[in-house]
Protein backbone atom coordinates (compact mmCIF):
# COMPACT_ATOMS: atom_id res chain seq x y z
CA MET A 1 -13.48 -5.43 -9.13
CA ASP A 2 -16.86 -3.84 -9.56
CA ILE A 3 -16.23 -0.33 -8.23
CA THR A 4 -19.93 0.06 -7.46
CA ASN A 5 -19.57 -2.78 -4.96
CA PRO A 6 -15.87 -2.91 -4.07
CA LEU A 7 -14.23 -5.27 -1.64
CA SER A 8 -12.42 -3.80 1.32
CA GLU A 9 -8.62 -3.86 1.16
CA GLU A 10 -8.59 -6.57 3.84
CA ALA A 11 -11.12 -8.74 2.01
CA PHE A 12 -9.27 -8.28 -1.25
CA ALA A 13 -5.99 -9.23 0.43
CA ASP A 14 -7.65 -12.43 1.69
CA LEU A 15 -8.80 -13.19 -1.87
CA ILE A 16 -5.25 -12.67 -3.13
CA LEU A 17 -3.86 -15.08 -0.52
CA ASP A 18 -6.49 -17.69 -1.37
CA ARG A 19 -5.89 -17.58 -5.12
CA ALA A 20 -2.13 -17.44 -4.67
CA LYS A 21 -2.30 -20.66 -2.65
CA ALA A 22 -4.31 -22.29 -5.44
CA ALA A 23 -1.64 -21.20 -7.93
CA GLN A 24 1.15 -22.45 -5.63
CA VAL A 25 2.53 -18.93 -5.28
CA GLU A 26 3.95 -18.12 -1.85
CA LEU A 27 2.87 -14.78 -0.40
CA THR A 28 3.02 -13.24 3.06
CA GLU A 29 0.09 -11.32 4.53
CA ALA A 30 2.14 -8.13 4.30
CA GLN A 31 2.78 -8.70 0.60
CA ALA A 32 -0.90 -9.44 -0.04
CA ALA A 33 -1.84 -6.21 1.76
CA LEU A 34 0.47 -4.18 -0.49
CA LEU A 35 -0.81 -5.91 -3.60
CA SER A 36 -4.36 -5.16 -2.47
CA ARG A 37 -3.50 -1.52 -1.90
CA HIS A 38 -1.96 -1.26 -5.38
CA VAL A 39 -5.23 -2.49 -6.89
CA GLN A 40 -7.36 -0.15 -4.76
CA ILE A 41 -5.29 2.84 -5.90
CA MET A 42 -5.48 1.68 -9.51
CA LEU A 43 -9.28 1.43 -9.37
CA GLU A 44 -9.55 4.86 -7.76
CA TRP A 45 -7.61 6.35 -10.66
CA ASN A 46 -9.16 4.15 -13.34
CA THR A 47 -12.28 6.24 -13.90
CA ARG A 48 -10.10 9.20 -14.92
CA PHE A 49 -7.08 7.58 -16.53
CA ASN A 50 -8.53 4.40 -18.10
CA LEU A 51 -5.76 2.21 -16.70
CA THR A 52 -7.46 -1.18 -17.16
CA ARG A 53 -10.59 -2.85 -18.49
CA ILE A 54 -10.21 -5.66 -15.95
CA THR A 55 -12.05 -4.61 -12.79
CA ALA A 56 -13.86 -7.70 -11.40
CA PRO A 57 -12.16 -9.01 -8.21
CA GLU A 58 -11.41 -12.51 -9.49
CA GLU A 59 -10.04 -11.25 -12.80
CA VAL A 60 -7.89 -8.59 -11.16
CA VAL A 61 -6.32 -11.16 -8.85
CA VAL A 62 -5.70 -13.78 -11.51
CA LYS A 63 -5.04 -11.78 -14.68
CA HIS A 64 -3.13 -8.87 -13.15
CA ILE A 65 -1.59 -9.89 -9.83
CA LEU A 66 -0.95 -13.63 -10.15
CA ASP A 67 0.05 -13.35 -13.79
CA SER A 68 2.66 -10.79 -12.72
CA ILE A 69 4.20 -12.79 -9.88
CA ALA A 70 3.72 -16.47 -10.80
CA PRO A 71 6.90 -16.43 -12.96
CA ALA A 72 8.89 -14.59 -10.26
CA LYS A 73 10.72 -17.77 -9.22
CA TYR A 74 12.41 -17.87 -12.62
CA LEU A 75 13.72 -14.29 -12.35
CA PRO A 76 16.56 -12.61 -10.43
CA SER A 77 15.73 -11.55 -6.88
CA ALA A 78 18.02 -8.51 -6.69
CA GLY A 79 19.63 -5.85 -8.82
CA LYS A 80 18.47 -3.17 -11.21
CA ALA A 81 15.32 -4.03 -13.18
CA LEU A 82 13.35 -2.37 -15.98
CA ASP A 83 9.65 -2.84 -16.78
CA VAL A 84 9.09 -1.77 -20.40
CA GLY A 85 5.58 -0.49 -21.04
CA ALA A 86 4.64 -0.57 -17.36
CA GLY A 87 1.02 0.55 -17.85
CA ALA A 88 -0.81 0.30 -14.52
CA GLY A 89 2.28 -1.24 -12.91
CA PHE A 90 2.00 -4.88 -13.94
CA PRO A 91 4.28 -6.75 -13.59
CA GLY A 92 6.76 -4.19 -12.19
CA ILE A 93 5.01 -3.20 -8.96
CA PRO A 94 3.95 -6.74 -7.89
CA LEU A 95 7.43 -8.07 -8.71
CA THR A 96 8.99 -5.37 -6.54
CA ILE A 97 6.60 -6.22 -3.70
CA VAL A 98 7.63 -9.89 -3.71
CA LYS A 99 11.31 -9.16 -4.51
CA ARG A 100 12.17 -6.15 -2.36
CA ASP A 101 15.84 -6.22 -3.37
CA LEU A 102 14.95 -5.26 -6.94
CA SER A 103 15.43 -1.62 -7.88
CA MET A 104 12.72 -1.18 -10.53
CA VAL A 105 12.39 1.43 -13.27
CA LEU A 106 8.85 1.60 -14.65
CA LEU A 107 9.20 2.90 -18.21
CA GLU A 108 5.93 4.10 -19.71
CA SER A 109 5.17 6.24 -22.78
CA SER A 110 1.87 7.63 -21.41
CA GLY A 111 2.34 10.68 -19.21
CA LYS A 112 -0.95 10.06 -17.40
CA LYS A 113 0.07 6.53 -16.50
CA VAL A 114 3.45 7.77 -15.24
CA THR A 115 1.58 10.20 -12.97
CA PHE A 116 -0.42 7.26 -11.61
CA LEU A 117 2.66 5.07 -11.18
CA THR A 118 4.44 7.82 -9.27
CA ALA A 119 1.48 8.26 -6.91
CA ALA A 120 1.07 4.50 -6.44
CA ALA A 121 4.75 3.88 -5.66
CA ALA A 122 4.71 6.70 -3.10
CA ALA A 123 1.49 5.46 -1.46
CA LEU A 124 2.91 1.93 -1.22
CA GLY A 125 6.20 3.15 0.25
CA LEU A 126 8.19 1.49 -2.53
CA GLU A 127 11.18 3.81 -2.66
CA GLN A 128 13.07 1.38 -4.90
CA ILE A 129 10.62 2.08 -7.74
CA THR A 130 11.33 4.88 -10.25
CA PRO A 131 8.52 5.68 -12.74
CA LEU A 132 9.89 7.22 -15.93
CA HIS A 133 8.16 8.80 -18.92
CA GLY A 134 9.52 7.79 -22.32
CA SER A 135 10.00 5.13 -24.97
CA TRP A 136 12.50 2.30 -24.87
CA GLN A 137 14.06 3.65 -28.07
CA ASP A 138 14.91 6.97 -26.39
CA PHE A 139 15.87 5.24 -23.14
CA ARG A 140 18.29 3.02 -25.02
CA GLN A 141 20.02 6.02 -26.62
CA LYS A 142 21.36 7.25 -23.29
CA LYS A 143 24.87 5.97 -22.73
CA GLU A 144 24.43 5.85 -18.95
CA ASN A 145 21.81 3.11 -19.39
CA ARG A 146 24.14 0.75 -21.25
CA ASN A 147 24.88 -2.54 -19.43
CA LYS A 148 22.91 -1.22 -16.45
CA PHE A 149 20.18 -3.80 -15.74
CA GLU A 150 20.17 -7.32 -14.37
CA LEU A 151 16.56 -7.82 -15.47
CA ILE A 152 14.22 -6.44 -18.14
CA VAL A 153 10.56 -7.52 -18.12
CA MET A 154 7.91 -6.98 -20.77
CA ARG A 155 4.27 -7.99 -20.47
CA ALA A 156 1.20 -7.27 -22.63
CA LEU A 157 3.33 -5.91 -25.46
CA ARG A 158 4.01 -7.70 -28.74
CA ALA A 159 7.57 -9.04 -28.80
CA GLU A 160 9.68 -7.97 -31.77
CA PRO A 161 13.23 -9.05 -32.70
CA GLU A 162 14.53 -5.54 -31.97
CA HIS A 163 13.44 -5.86 -28.34
CA ILE A 164 16.16 -8.49 -28.02
CA SER A 165 18.77 -7.44 -30.56
CA ARG A 166 18.67 -3.70 -29.81
CA MET A 167 16.99 -3.06 -26.46
CA ALA A 168 17.99 -6.00 -24.26
CA SER A 169 21.45 -6.37 -25.79
CA TRP A 170 22.24 -2.73 -25.08
CA LEU A 171 20.64 -2.27 -21.66
CA LEU A 172 21.42 -5.57 -19.92
CA ALA A 173 24.55 -6.18 -17.92
CA PRO A 174 26.47 -9.36 -18.82
CA GLY A 175 24.56 -12.31 -17.38
CA GLY A 176 21.35 -10.26 -17.24
CA PHE A 177 17.93 -11.59 -18.26
CA PHE A 178 15.18 -10.37 -20.58
CA ALA A 179 11.79 -11.91 -19.70
CA ARG A 180 8.75 -11.72 -21.96
CA TRP A 181 5.30 -12.89 -20.75
CA GLU A 182 3.52 -15.17 -23.25
CA VAL A 183 0.05 -16.70 -23.65
CA LEU A 184 -0.12 -20.22 -25.06
CA ASP A 185 -2.45 -20.83 -27.97
CA PRO A 186 -5.15 -23.55 -27.65
CA GLN A 187 -2.94 -26.05 -29.51
CA GLY A 188 -0.17 -25.60 -26.98
CA GLY A 189 2.13 -23.46 -29.07
CA LYS A 190 3.40 -20.05 -28.09
CA ASP A 191 1.92 -16.70 -28.93
CA LEU A 192 3.62 -14.31 -31.35
CA GLY A 193 6.74 -14.04 -29.21
CA VAL A 194 10.18 -14.19 -30.77
CA LYS A 195 12.39 -17.17 -29.93
CA GLU A 196 15.36 -16.91 -32.23
CA VAL A 197 17.01 -13.78 -33.56
CA LYS A 198 19.41 -13.95 -36.49
CA GLY A 199 22.58 -11.92 -36.50
CA PRO A 200 25.69 -11.38 -34.40
CA ILE A 201 24.09 -10.55 -31.09
CA ASP A 202 25.16 -11.31 -27.55
CA MET A 203 21.78 -12.69 -26.44
CA GLU A 204 20.97 -16.38 -26.14
CA PHE A 205 17.61 -18.04 -25.62
CA HIS A 206 17.44 -19.31 -22.03
CA GLY A 207 14.12 -21.17 -22.12
CA ASP A 208 10.33 -21.17 -21.84
CA PHE A 209 9.05 -21.53 -18.28
CA GLY A 210 5.37 -22.42 -18.01
CA TYR A 211 2.87 -21.68 -15.27
CA SER A 212 -0.89 -21.89 -14.86
CA LEU A 213 -3.49 -19.54 -13.41
CA PRO A 214 -6.60 -20.61 -11.45
CA GLY A 215 -9.70 -20.73 -13.65
CA VAL A 216 -7.79 -19.81 -16.82
CA THR A 217 -7.77 -22.45 -19.54
CA ARG A 218 -5.01 -21.02 -21.70
CA GLY A 219 -1.59 -21.69 -20.28
CA ARG A 220 1.07 -19.08 -19.66
CA ALA A 221 4.84 -19.00 -20.01
CA VAL A 222 7.63 -16.58 -19.40
CA ARG A 223 10.16 -16.65 -22.23
CA ILE A 224 13.67 -15.73 -21.12
CA TRP A 225 16.85 -14.68 -22.89
CA LYS A 226 20.23 -14.23 -21.22
CA LYS A 227 23.01 -11.85 -22.17
CA LYS A 228 26.24 -13.75 -22.76
């Protein structure tokens, strides 16, 4: 979104609904309005906190919003969830908007971004969101977080084996899911995500679930592991 010539929240919500329909993503008008408001707040803060380089309306809708919620149908609809490296709130905030029975922790290592996330969640009335400042390594060390989450999501961060063998294995409840967003390479293979992890761990690969975004040539997939 060009902040020198911004769309109104209503116009942006209409754009979200239109592109969601093209991507075969079901959204209500109320959900689109909240998603629009999230973006407006993000852009207001962006000049000070450098939250995103994506600001054009079409790119914001497709690369932030739709990319966050298109895989939602493959993920749990309720329970405790954790967004690792939440950044400007993608995918955690949009997922909470479309799955209101999720109780979402937004874990972010940047204090400035946590300040933004706290303000955004309050402005959107999303009481089930808890922004938290810290690293996953420190978060994992706390015994009260063990076996606590039904869902962990990670987007726009490089996947490493320890994210599965140490983080997800420790934090997920039995039967819980770890979902990693991936970009497909031009030859159709996956990005640098990790598929198999050697060693005696309680995580099993659940599958790659593909989706496409309007106007984007490179395919997308959410890669999911399940705790045994």
